[in-house]
Amino acid sequence: MTRPDYQEEIHELNLAWLMLAQRMLQSDRETALLRLGISKKFADYLVGLSAAKLVRMAGNPLLIPCFRFDDEQLARLMAGEGRDASASALHAAILAARRTAEEVAQG
């Protein structure tokens, strides 16, 4: 029984995320930092990458984007579960922003 390695899918996902991150950072840096959940240093690095380096980085067998949380409550809110789906999305955004601010303050 062979196990799939998902290398092609990982490469495509990594490249799409890197290109999106670069565009977001170039367009509206502060909003991008919040939405991407990345540090300012990493943002500076990403913005400076050439297309060739983006492709090389995307070819890494590890997923570059990662979840910024492992909180089931936050995941449920982001999925729209709760009494009011629109209020759940707003609550999730507030919780995610708070966590990003806490991470920045810590390091």
PDB file of N, CA and C in Angstrom:
ATOM      1  N   MET A   1       0.846  -1.181   0.000  1.00  0.00           N
ATOM      2  CA  MET A   1       0.000   0.000   0.000  1.00  0.00           C
ATOM      3  C   MET A   1       0.894   1.248   0.000  1.00  0.00           C
ATOM      4  N   THR A   2       0.718   2.071  -0.991  1.00  0.00           N
ATOM      5  CA  THR A   2       1.528   3.287  -1.069  1.00  0.00           C
ATOM      6  C   THR A   2       0.771   4.452  -0.455  1.00  0.00           C
ATOM      7  N   ARG A   3       1.537   5.307   0.195  1.00  0.00           N
ATOM      8  CA  ARG A   3       0.943   6.504   0.790  1.00  0.00           C
ATOM      9  C   ARG A   3       1.241   7.689  -0.110  1.00  0.00           C
ATOM     10  N   PRO A   4       0.242   8.531  -0.357  1.00  0.00           N
ATOM     11  CA  PRO A   4       0.504   9.715  -1.167  1.00  0.00           C
ATOM     12  C   PRO A   4       1.402  10.689  -0.408  1.00  0.00           C
ATOM     13  N   ASP A   5       2.268  11.405  -1.130  1.00  0.00           N
ATOM     14  CA  ASP A   5       3.151  12.352  -0.442  1.00  0.00           C
ATOM     15  C   ASP A   5       2.632  13.789  -0.539  1.00  0.00           C
ATOM     16  N   TYR A   6       1.678  14.051  -1.418  1.00  0.00           N
ATOM     17  CA  TYR A   6       1.038  15.364  -1.549  1.00  0.00           C
ATOM     18  C   TYR A   6       2.022  16.484  -1.895  1.00  0.00           C
ATOM     19  N   GLN A   7       3.207  16.121  -2.409  1.00  0.00           N
ATOM     20  CA  GLN A   7       4.232  17.133  -2.692  1.00  0.00           C
ATOM     21  C   GLN A   7       3.747  18.186  -3.681  1.00  0.00           C
ATOM     22  N   GLU A   8       3.075  17.766  -4.740  1.00  0.00           N
ATOM     23  CA  GLU A   8       2.600  18.734  -5.740  1.00  0.00           C
ATOM     24  C   GLU A   8       1.571  19.691  -5.135  1.00  0.00           C
ATOM     25  N   GLU A   9       0.658  19.150  -4.348  1.00  0.00           N
ATOM     26  CA  GLU A   9      -0.362  19.983  -3.707  1.00  0.00           C
ATOM     27  C   GLU A   9       0.273  20.949  -2.710  1.00  0.00           C
ATOM     28  N   ILE A  10       1.251  20.477  -1.956  1.00  0.00           N
ATOM     29  CA  ILE A  10       1.943  21.337  -0.985  1.00  0.00           C
ATOM     30  C   ILE A  10       2.663  22.469  -1.717  1.00  0.00           C
ATOM     31  N   HIS A  11       3.324  22.142  -2.818  1.00  0.00           N
ATOM     32  CA  HIS A  11       4.025  23.159  -3.604  1.00  0.00           C
ATOM     33  C   HIS A  11       3.050  24.226  -4.099  1.00  0.00           C
ATOM     34  N   GLU A  12       1.922  23.804  -4.650  1.00  0.00           N
ATOM     35  CA  GLU A  12       0.930  24.757  -5.157  1.00  0.00           C
ATOM     36  C   GLU A  12       0.376  25.637  -4.037  1.00  0.00           C
ATOM     37  N   LEU A  13       0.075  25.027  -2.911  1.00  0.00           N
ATOM     38  CA  LEU A  13      -0.448  25.784  -1.779  1.00  0.00           C
ATOM     39  C   LEU A  13       0.585  26.775  -1.251  1.00  0.00           C
ATOM     40  N   ASN A  14       1.820  26.319  -1.095  1.00  0.00           N
ATOM     41  CA  ASN A  14       2.886  27.200  -0.623  1.00  0.00           C
ATOM     42  C   ASN A  14       3.085  28.384  -1.560  1.00  0.00           C
ATOM     43  N   LEU A  15       3.132  28.112  -2.861  1.00  0.00           N
ATOM     44  CA  LEU A  15       3.358  29.184  -3.828  1.00  0.00           C
ATOM     45  C   LEU A  15       2.197  30.178  -3.826  1.00  0.00           C
ATOM     46  N   ALA A  16       0.977  29.671  -3.790  1.00  0.00           N
ATOM     47  CA  ALA A  16      -0.190  30.562  -3.750  1.00  0.00           C
ATOM     48  C   ALA A  16      -0.162  31.432  -2.498  1.00  0.00           C
ATOM     49  N   TRP A  17       0.168  30.829  -1.358  1.00  0.00           N
ATOM     50  CA  TRP A  17       0.208  31.593  -0.099  1.00  0.00           C
ATOM     51  C   TRP A  17       1.309  32.651  -0.140  1.00  0.00           C
ATOM     52  N   LEU A  18       2.483  32.288  -0.611  1.00  0.00           N
ATOM     53  CA  LEU A  18       3.592  33.242  -0.674  1.00  0.00           C
ATOM     54  C   LEU A  18       3.281  34.414  -1.593  1.00  0.00           C
ATOM     55  N   MET A  19       2.701  34.123  -2.752  1.00  0.00           N
ATOM     56  CA  MET A  19       2.368  35.195  -3.686  1.00  0.00           C
ATOM     57  C   MET A  19       1.273  36.094  -3.119  1.00  0.00           C
ATOM     58  N   LEU A  20       0.274  35.490  -2.489  1.00  0.00           N
ATOM     59  CA  LEU A  20      -0.790  36.275  -1.865  1.00  0.00           C
ATOM     60  C   LEU A  20      -0.232  37.134  -0.737  1.00  0.00           C
ATOM     61  N   ALA A  21       0.615  36.557   0.092  1.00  0.00           N
ATOM     62  CA  ALA A  21       1.205  37.296   1.205  1.00  0.00           C
ATOM     63  C   ALA A  21       1.990  38.500   0.699  1.00  0.00           C
ATOM     64  N   GLN A  22       2.776  38.306  -0.339  1.00  0.00           N
ATOM     65  CA  GLN A  22       3.547  39.417  -0.905  1.00  0.00           C
ATOM     66  C   GLN A  22       2.631  40.533  -1.389  1.00  0.00           C
ATOM     67  N   ARG A  23       1.589  40.167  -2.130  1.00  0.00           N
ATOM     68  CA  ARG A  23       0.657  41.186  -2.650  1.00  0.00           C
ATOM     69  C   ARG A  23      -0.050  41.914  -1.519  1.00  0.00           C
ATOM     70  N   MET A  24      -0.483  41.158  -0.508  1.00  0.00           N
ATOM     71  CA  MET A  24      -1.174  41.780   0.624  1.00  0.00           C
ATOM     72  C   MET A  24      -0.260  42.762   1.346  1.00  0.00           C
ATOM     73  N   LEU A  25       0.987  42.357   1.569  1.00  0.00           N
ATOM     74  CA  LEU A  25       1.945  43.204   2.276  1.00  0.00           C
ATOM     75  C   LEU A  25       2.277  44.459   1.490  1.00  0.00           C
ATOM     76  N   GLN A  26       2.350  44.354   0.190  1.00  0.00           N
ATOM     77  CA  GLN A  26       2.647  45.511  -0.649  1.00  0.00           C
ATOM     78  C   GLN A  26       1.457  46.454  -0.732  1.00  0.00           C
ATOM     79  N   SER A  27       0.262  45.914  -0.608  1.00  0.00           N
ATOM     80  CA  SER A  27      -0.953  46.713  -0.731  1.00  0.00           C
ATOM     81  C   SER A  27      -1.318  47.428   0.569  1.00  0.00           C
ATOM     82  N   ASP A  28      -1.374  46.684   1.669  1.00  0.00           N
ATOM     83  CA  ASP A  28      -1.774  47.245   2.968  1.00  0.00           C
ATOM     84  C   ASP A  28      -1.064  46.451   4.056  1.00  0.00           C
ATOM     85  N   ARG A  29       0.120  46.890   4.387  1.00  0.00           N
ATOM     86  CA  ARG A  29       1.008  46.150   5.286  1.00  0.00           C
ATOM     87  C   ARG A  29       0.376  45.831   6.640  1.00  0.00           C
ATOM     88  N   GLU A  30      -0.220  46.811   7.290  1.00  0.00           N
ATOM     89  CA  GLU A  30      -0.758  46.591   8.642  1.00  0.00           C
ATOM     90  C   GLU A  30      -1.889  45.567   8.647  1.00  0.00           C
ATOM     91  N   THR A  31      -2.793  45.682   7.704  1.00  0.00           N
ATOM     92  CA  THR A  31      -3.887  44.713   7.615  1.00  0.00           C
ATOM     93  C   THR A  31      -3.349  43.333   7.277  1.00  0.00           C
ATOM     94  N   ALA A  32      -2.367  43.288   6.381  1.00  0.00           N
ATOM     95  CA  ALA A  32      -1.764  42.008   5.996  1.00  0.00           C
ATOM     96  C   ALA A  32      -1.097  41.334   7.187  1.00  0.00           C
ATOM     97  N   LEU A  33      -0.377  42.111   7.996  1.00  0.00           N
ATOM     98  CA  LEU A  33       0.263  41.529   9.179  1.00  0.00           C
ATOM     99  C   LEU A  33      -0.765  40.878  10.089  1.00  0.00           C
ATOM    100  N   LEU A  34      -1.882  41.531  10.270  1.00  0.00           N
ATOM    101  CA  LEU A  34      -2.943  40.990  11.124  1.00  0.00           C
ATOM    102  C   LEU A  34      -3.550  39.735  10.500  1.00  0.00           C
ATOM    103  N   ARG A  35      -3.903  39.823   9.226  1.00  0.00           N
ATOM    104  CA  ARG A  35      -4.561  38.690   8.572  1.00  0.00           C
ATOM    105  C   ARG A  35      -3.651  37.485   8.401  1.00  0.00           C
ATOM    106  N   LEU A  36      -2.384  37.746   8.098  1.00  0.00           N
ATOM    107  CA  LEU A  36      -1.446  36.635   7.891  1.00  0.00           C
ATOM    108  C   LEU A  36      -0.910  36.074   9.194  1.00  0.00           C
ATOM    109  N   GLY A  37      -0.921  36.890  10.249  1.00  0.00           N
ATOM    110  CA  GLY A  37      -0.415  36.440  11.535  1.00  0.00           C
ATOM    111  C   GLY A  37       1.084  36.217  11.526  1.00  0.00           C
ATOM    112  N   ILE A  38       1.818  37.079  10.815  1.00  0.00           N
ATOM    113  CA  ILE A  38       3.266  36.926  10.724  1.00  0.00           C
ATOM    114  C   ILE A  38       3.958  38.118  11.373  1.00  0.00           C
ATOM    115  N   SER A  39       5.220  37.952  11.687  1.00  0.00           N
ATOM    116  CA  SER A  39       5.985  39.021  12.316  1.00  0.00           C
ATOM    117  C   SER A  39       6.403  40.063  11.268  1.00  0.00           C
ATOM    118  N   LYS A  40       6.776  41.230  11.750  1.00  0.00           N
ATOM    119  CA  LYS A  40       7.250  42.288  10.852  1.00  0.00           C
ATOM    120  C   LYS A  40       8.539  41.877  10.159  1.00  0.00           C
ATOM    121  N   LYS A  41       9.407  41.172  10.877  1.00  0.00           N
ATOM    122  CA  LYS A  41      10.666  40.715  10.276  1.00  0.00           C
ATOM    123  C   LYS A  41      10.408  39.732   9.134  1.00  0.00           C
ATOM    124  N   PHE A  42       9.504  38.799   9.368  1.00  0.00           N
ATOM    125  CA  PHE A  42       9.177  37.831   8.319  1.00  0.00           C
ATOM    126  C   PHE A  42       8.502  38.531   7.146  1.00  0.00           C
ATOM    127  N   ALA A  43       7.665  39.526   7.434  1.00  0.00           N
ATOM    128  CA  ALA A  43       7.010  40.300   6.378  1.00  0.00           C
ATOM    129  C   ALA A  43       8.053  41.007   5.518  1.00  0.00           C
ATOM    130  N   ASP A  44       9.046  41.619   6.160  1.00  0.00           N
ATOM    131  CA  ASP A  44      10.116  42.290   5.414  1.00  0.00           C
ATOM    132  C   ASP A  44      10.843  41.294   4.510  1.00  0.00           C
ATOM    133  N   TYR A  45      11.094  40.110   5.035  1.00  0.00           N
ATOM    134  CA  TYR A  45      11.775  39.073   4.261  1.00  0.00           C
ATOM    135  C   TYR A  45      10.935  38.662   3.049  1.00  0.00           C
ATOM    136  N   LEU A  46       9.639  38.412   3.275  1.00  0.00           N
ATOM    137  CA  LEU A  46       8.767  37.984   2.182  1.00  0.00           C
ATOM    138  C   LEU A  46       8.687  39.017   1.075  1.00  0.00           C
ATOM    139  N   VAL A  47       8.539  40.274   1.448  1.00  0.00           N
ATOM    140  CA  VAL A  47       8.406  41.331   0.452  1.00  0.00           C
ATOM    141  C   VAL A  47       9.657  41.419  -0.417  1.00  0.00           C
ATOM    142  N   GLY A  48      10.806  41.121   0.149  1.00  0.00           N
ATOM    143  CA  GLY A  48      12.057  41.210  -0.581  1.00  0.00           C
ATOM    144  C   GLY A  48      12.405  40.009  -1.432  1.00  0.00           C
ATOM    145  N   LEU A  49      11.614  38.951  -1.388  1.00  0.00           N
ATOM    146  CA  LEU A  49      11.929  37.744  -2.151  1.00  0.00           C
ATOM    147  C   LEU A  49      11.658  37.926  -3.646  1.00  0.00           C
ATOM    148  N   SER A  50      12.569  37.446  -4.462  1.00  0.00           N
ATOM    149  CA  SER A  50      12.368  37.446  -5.912  1.00  0.00           C
ATOM    150  C   SER A  50      11.403  36.313  -6.279  1.00  0.00           C
ATOM    151  N   ALA A  51      10.915  36.340  -7.514  1.00  0.00           N
ATOM    152  CA  ALA A  51      10.016  35.280  -7.974  1.00  0.00           C
ATOM    153  C   ALA A  51      10.706  33.918  -7.923  1.00  0.00           C
ATOM    154  N   ALA A  52      11.969  33.895  -8.302  1.00  0.00           N
ATOM    155  CA  ALA A  52      12.711  32.620  -8.288  1.00  0.00           C
ATOM    156  C   ALA A  52      12.825  32.074  -6.865  1.00  0.00           C
ATOM    157  N   LYS A  53      13.073  32.955  -5.898  1.00  0.00           N
ATOM    158  CA  LYS A  53      13.187  32.493  -4.505  1.00  0.00           C
ATOM    159  C   LYS A  53      11.834  32.049  -3.961  1.00  0.00           C
ATOM    160  N   LEU A  54      10.759  32.723  -4.391  1.00  0.00           N
ATOM    161  CA  LEU A  54       9.422  32.289  -3.974  1.00  0.00           C
ATOM    162  C   LEU A  54       9.158  30.864  -4.450  1.00  0.00           C
ATOM    163  N   VAL A  55       9.486  30.596  -5.698  1.00  0.00           N
ATOM    164  CA  VAL A  55       9.264  29.259  -6.262  1.00  0.00           C
ATOM    165  C   VAL A  55      10.123  28.232  -5.536  1.00  0.00           C
ATOM    166  N   ARG A  56      11.369  28.575  -5.268  1.00  0.00           N
ATOM    167  CA  ARG A  56      12.267  27.664  -4.546  1.00  0.00           C
ATOM    168  C   ARG A  56      11.734  27.387  -3.135  1.00  0.00           C
ATOM    169  N   MET A  57      11.310  28.437  -2.465  1.00  0.00           N
ATOM    170  CA  MET A  57      10.783  28.287  -1.109  1.00  0.00           C
ATOM    171  C   MET A  57       9.507  27.439  -1.119  1.00  0.00           C
ATOM    172  N   ALA A  58       8.659  27.650  -2.113  1.00  0.00           N
ATOM    173  CA  ALA A  58       7.397  26.910  -2.214  1.00  0.00           C
ATOM    174  C   ALA A  58       7.626  25.422  -2.421  1.00  0.00           C
ATOM    175  N   GLY A  59       8.779  25.056  -2.998  1.00  0.00           N
ATOM    176  CA  GLY A  59       9.078  23.657  -3.257  1.00  0.00           C
ATOM    177  C   GLY A  59       9.458  22.865  -2.027  1.00  0.00           C
ATOM    178  N   ASN A  60       9.532  23.517  -0.885  1.00  0.00           N
ATOM    179  CA  ASN A  60       9.840  22.843   0.368  1.00  0.00           C
ATOM    180  C   ASN A  60       8.759  21.816   0.675  1.00  0.00           C
ATOM    181  N   PRO A  61       9.105  20.643   1.181  1.00  0.00           N
ATOM    182  CA  PRO A  61       8.083  19.628   1.463  1.00  0.00           C
ATOM    183  C   PRO A  61       7.207  19.941   2.680  1.00  0.00           C
ATOM    184  N   LEU A  62       7.500  21.018   3.378  1.00  0.00           N
ATOM    185  CA  LEU A  62       6.686  21.409   4.529  1.00  0.00           C
ATOM    186  C   LEU A  62       5.710  22.506   4.145  1.00  0.00           C
ATOM    187  N   LEU A  63       4.539  22.500   4.740  1.00  0.00           N
ATOM    188  CA  LEU A  63       3.582  23.577   4.499  1.00  0.00           C
ATOM    189  C   LEU A  63       4.102  24.865   5.120  1.00  0.00           C
ATOM    190  N   ILE A  64       4.114  25.930   4.354  1.00  0.00           N
ATOM    191  CA  ILE A  64       4.564  27.218   4.866  1.00  0.00           C
ATOM    192  C   ILE A  64       3.458  27.887   5.686  1.00  0.00           C
ATOM    193  N   PRO A  65       2.235  27.997   5.141  1.00  0.00           N
ATOM    194  CA  PRO A  65       1.188  28.592   5.973  1.00  0.00           C
ATOM    195  C   PRO A  65       0.796  27.627   7.085  1.00  0.00           C
ATOM    196  N   CYS A  66       0.448  28.180   8.219  1.00  0.00           N
ATOM    197  CA  CYS A  66       0.015  27.320   9.322  1.00  0.00           C
ATOM    198  C   CYS A  66      -1.100  28.022  10.082  1.00  0.00           C
ATOM    199  N   PHE A  67      -1.862  27.254  10.811  1.00  0.00           N
ATOM    200  CA  PHE A  67      -2.915  27.824  11.624  1.00  0.00           C
ATOM    201  C   PHE A  67      -2.302  28.632  12.745  1.00  0.00           C
ATOM    202  N   ARG A  68      -2.871  29.785  13.001  1.00  0.00           N
ATOM    203  CA  ARG A  68      -2.372  30.625  14.080  1.00  0.00           C
ATOM    204  C   ARG A  68      -3.005  30.236  15.409  1.00  0.00           C
ATOM    205  N   PHE A  69      -3.858  29.283  15.390  1.00  0.00           N
ATOM    206  CA  PHE A  69      -4.564  28.913  16.608  1.00  0.00           C
ATOM    207  C   PHE A  69      -4.834  27.426  16.605  1.00  0.00           C
ATOM    208  N   ASP A  70      -5.071  26.915  17.773  1.00  0.00           N
ATOM    209  CA  ASP A  70      -5.499  25.517  17.886  1.00  0.00           C
ATOM    210  C   ASP A  70      -6.670  25.453  18.857  1.00  0.00           C
ATOM    211  N   ASP A  71      -7.435  26.503  18.848  1.00  0.00           N
ATOM    212  CA  ASP A  71      -8.547  26.663  19.762  1.00  0.00           C
ATOM    213  C   ASP A  71      -9.845  26.250  19.070  1.00  0.00           C
ATOM    214  N   GLU A  72     -10.498  25.241  19.610  1.00  0.00           N
ATOM    215  CA  GLU A  72     -11.730  24.749  19.008  1.00  0.00           C
ATOM    216  C   GLU A  72     -12.810  25.828  18.991  1.00  0.00           C
ATOM    217  N   GLN A  73     -12.890  26.629  20.049  1.00  0.00           N
ATOM    218  CA  GLN A  73     -13.914  27.682  20.093  1.00  0.00           C
ATOM    219  C   GLN A  73     -13.723  28.667  18.951  1.00  0.00           C
ATOM    220  N   LEU A  74     -12.493  29.084  18.714  1.00  0.00           N
ATOM    221  CA  LEU A  74     -12.216  30.017  17.638  1.00  0.00           C
ATOM    222  C   LEU A  74     -12.536  29.388  16.286  1.00  0.00           C
ATOM    223  N   ALA A  75     -12.186  28.134  16.107  1.00  0.00           N
ATOM    224  CA  ALA A  75     -12.483  27.440  14.850  1.00  0.00           C
ATOM    225  C   ALA A  75     -13.990  27.371  14.623  1.00  0.00           C
ATOM    226  N   ARG A  76     -14.749  27.087  15.667  1.00  0.00           N
ATOM    227  CA  ARG A  76     -16.211  27.025  15.541  1.00  0.00           C
ATOM    228  C   ARG A  76     -16.780  28.393  15.173  1.00  0.00           C
ATOM    229  N   LEU A  77     -16.259  29.447  15.782  1.00  0.00           N
ATOM    230  CA  LEU A  77     -16.734  30.795  15.459  1.00  0.00           C
ATOM    231  C   LEU A  77     -16.417  31.148  14.010  1.00  0.00           C
ATOM    232  N   MET A  78     -15.215  30.780  13.562  1.00  0.00           N
ATOM    233  CA  MET A  78     -14.839  31.075  12.188  1.00  0.00           C
ATOM    234  C   MET A  78     -15.686  30.294  11.192  1.00  0.00           C
ATOM    235  N   ALA A  79     -16.182  29.147  11.613  1.00  0.00           N
ATOM    236  CA  ALA A  79     -17.048  28.333  10.757  1.00  0.00           C
ATOM    237  C   ALA A  79     -18.498  28.818  10.799  1.00  0.00           C
ATOM    238  N   GLY A  80     -18.764  29.841  11.597  1.00  0.00           N
ATOM    239  CA  GLY A  80     -20.103  30.413  11.652  1.00  0.00           C
ATOM    240  C   GLY A  80     -21.048  29.706  12.603  1.00  0.00           C
ATOM    241  N   GLU A  81     -20.508  28.865  13.471  1.00  0.00           N
ATOM    242  CA  GLU A  81     -21.358  28.188  14.444  1.00  0.00           C
ATOM    243  C   GLU A  81     -21.666  29.149  15.577  1.00  0.00           C
ATOM    244  N   GLY A  82     -22.834  29.066  16.082  1.00  0.00           N
ATOM    245  CA  GLY A  82     -23.249  29.949  17.164  1.00  0.00           C
ATOM    246  C   GLY A  82     -24.644  30.484  16.888  1.00  0.00           C
ATOM    247  N   ARG A  83     -25.077  31.380  17.733  1.00  0.00           N
ATOM    248  CA  ARG A  83     -26.434  31.916  17.590  1.00  0.00           C
ATOM    249  C   ARG A  83     -26.591  32.740  16.322  1.00  0.00           C
ATOM    250  N   ASP A  84     -25.603  33.558  16.018  1.00  0.00           N
ATOM    251  CA  ASP A  84     -25.687  34.463  14.880  1.00  0.00           C
ATOM    252  C   ASP A  84     -24.376  34.366  14.095  1.00  0.00           C
ATOM    253  N   ALA A  85     -24.448  33.896  12.853  1.00  0.00           N
ATOM    254  CA  ALA A  85     -23.238  33.661  12.059  1.00  0.00           C
ATOM    255  C   ALA A  85     -22.416  34.931  11.862  1.00  0.00           C
ATOM    256  N   SER A  86     -23.062  36.067  11.626  1.00  0.00           N
ATOM    257  CA  SER A  86     -22.302  37.299  11.409  1.00  0.00           C
ATOM    258  C   SER A  86     -21.619  37.747  12.699  1.00  0.00           C
ATOM    259  N   ALA A  87     -22.285  37.584  13.823  1.00  0.00           N
ATOM    260  CA  ALA A  87     -21.665  37.932  15.102  1.00  0.00           C
ATOM    261  C   ALA A  87     -20.528  36.962  15.418  1.00  0.00           C
ATOM    262  N   SER A  88     -20.681  35.707  15.023  1.00  0.00           N
ATOM    263  CA  SER A  88     -19.621  34.718  15.249  1.00  0.00           C
ATOM    264  C   SER A  88     -18.359  35.099  14.494  1.00  0.00           C
ATOM    265  N   ALA A  89     -18.508  35.550  13.254  1.00  0.00           N
ATOM    266  CA  ALA A  89     -17.348  35.944  12.453  1.00  0.00           C
ATOM    267  C   ALA A  89     -16.641  37.142  13.082  1.00  0.00           C
ATOM    268  N   LEU A  90     -17.407  38.099  13.572  1.00  0.00           N
ATOM    269  CA  LEU A  90     -16.821  39.270  14.229  1.00  0.00           C
ATOM    270  C   LEU A  90     -16.109  38.865  15.518  1.00  0.00           C
ATOM    271  N   HIS A  91     -16.733  38.019  16.294  1.00  0.00           N
ATOM    272  CA  HIS A  91     -16.129  37.537  17.539  1.00  0.00           C
ATOM    273  C   HIS A  91     -14.826  36.796  17.246  1.00  0.00           C
ATOM    274  N   ALA A  92     -14.821  35.973  16.194  1.00  0.00           N
ATOM    275  CA  ALA A  92     -13.611  35.235  15.810  1.00  0.00           C
ATOM    276  C   ALA A  92     -12.499  36.193  15.416  1.00  0.00           C
ATOM    277  N   ALA A  93     -12.837  37.236  14.662  1.00  0.00           N
ATOM    278  CA  ALA A  93     -11.827  38.212  14.245  1.00  0.00           C
ATOM    279  C   ALA A  93     -11.225  38.924  15.448  1.00  0.00           C
ATOM    280  N   ILE A  94     -12.055  39.253  16.430  1.00  0.00           N
ATOM    281  CA  ILE A  94     -11.572  39.918  17.642  1.00  0.00           C
ATOM    282  C   ILE A  94     -10.635  38.995  18.414  1.00  0.00           C
ATOM    283  N   LEU A  95     -11.024  37.741  18.578  1.00  0.00           N
ATOM    284  CA  LEU A  95     -10.173  36.779  19.286  1.00  0.00           C
ATOM    285  C   LEU A  95      -8.845  36.566  18.566  1.00  0.00           C
ATOM    286  N   ALA A  96      -8.892  36.444  17.245  1.00  0.00           N
ATOM    287  CA  ALA A  96      -7.661  36.229  16.477  1.00  0.00           C
ATOM    288  C   ALA A  96      -6.750  37.444  16.569  1.00  0.00           C
ATOM    289  N   ALA A  97      -7.322  38.638  16.517  1.00  0.00           N
ATOM    290  CA  ALA A  97      -6.515  39.865  16.623  1.00  0.00           C
ATOM    291  C   ALA A  97      -5.879  39.972  18.003  1.00  0.00           C
ATOM    292  N   ARG A  98      -6.620  39.604  19.024  1.00  0.00           N
ATOM    293  CA  ARG A  98      -6.078  39.645  20.380  1.00  0.00           C
ATOM    294  C   ARG A  98      -4.895  38.701  20.517  1.00  0.00           C
ATOM    295  N   ARG A  99      -5.029  37.518  19.953  1.00  0.00           N
ATOM    296  CA  ARG A  99      -3.938  36.541  20.036  1.00  0.00           C
ATOM    297  C   ARG A  99      -2.715  37.021  19.273  1.00  0.00           C
ATOM    298  N   THR A 100      -2.931  37.637  18.129  1.00  0.00           N
ATOM    299  CA  THR A 100      -1.808  38.175  17.356  1.00  0.00           C
ATOM    300  C   THR A 100      -1.111  39.254  18.157  1.00  0.00           C
ATOM    301  N   ALA A 101      -1.868  40.124  18.797  1.00  0.00           N
ATOM    302  CA  ALA A 101      -1.275  41.191  19.616  1.00  0.00           C
ATOM    303  C   ALA A 101      -0.494  40.617  20.786  1.00  0.00           C
ATOM    304  N   GLU A 102      -1.017  39.568  21.403  1.00  0.00           N
ATOM    305  CA  GLU A 102      -0.321  38.928  22.520  1.00  0.00           C
ATOM    306  C   GLU A 102       0.992  38.304  22.057  1.00  0.00           C
ATOM    307  N   GLU A 103       0.984  37.675  20.868  1.00  0.00           N
ATOM    308  CA  GLU A 103       2.210  37.063  20.342  1.00  0.00           C
ATOM    309  C   GLU A 103       3.259  38.125  20.038  1.00  0.00           C
ATOM    310  N   VAL A 104       2.840  39.246  19.495  1.00  0.00           N
ATOM    311  CA  VAL A 104       3.773  40.330  19.193  1.00  0.00           C
ATOM    312  C   VAL A 104       4.367  40.882  20.485  1.00  0.00           C
ATOM    313  N   ALA A 105       3.548  41.019  21.508  1.00  0.00           N
ATOM    314  CA  ALA A 105       4.028  41.547  22.791  1.00  0.00           C
ATOM    315  C   ALA A 105       5.029  40.599  23.443  1.00  0.00           C
ATOM    316  N   GLN A 106       4.857  39.298  23.217  1.00  0.00           N
ATOM    317  CA  GLN A 106       5.749  38.313  23.833  1.00  0.00           C
ATOM    318  C   GLN A 106       7.082  38.198  23.107  1.00  0.00           C
ATOM    319  N   GLY A 107       7.099  38.504  21.856  1.00  0.00           N
ATOM    320  CA  GLY A 107       8.354  38.246  21.171  1.00  0.00           C
ATOM    321  C   GLY A 107       8.575  39.137  20.051  1.00  0.00           C
TER     322      GLY A 107
END
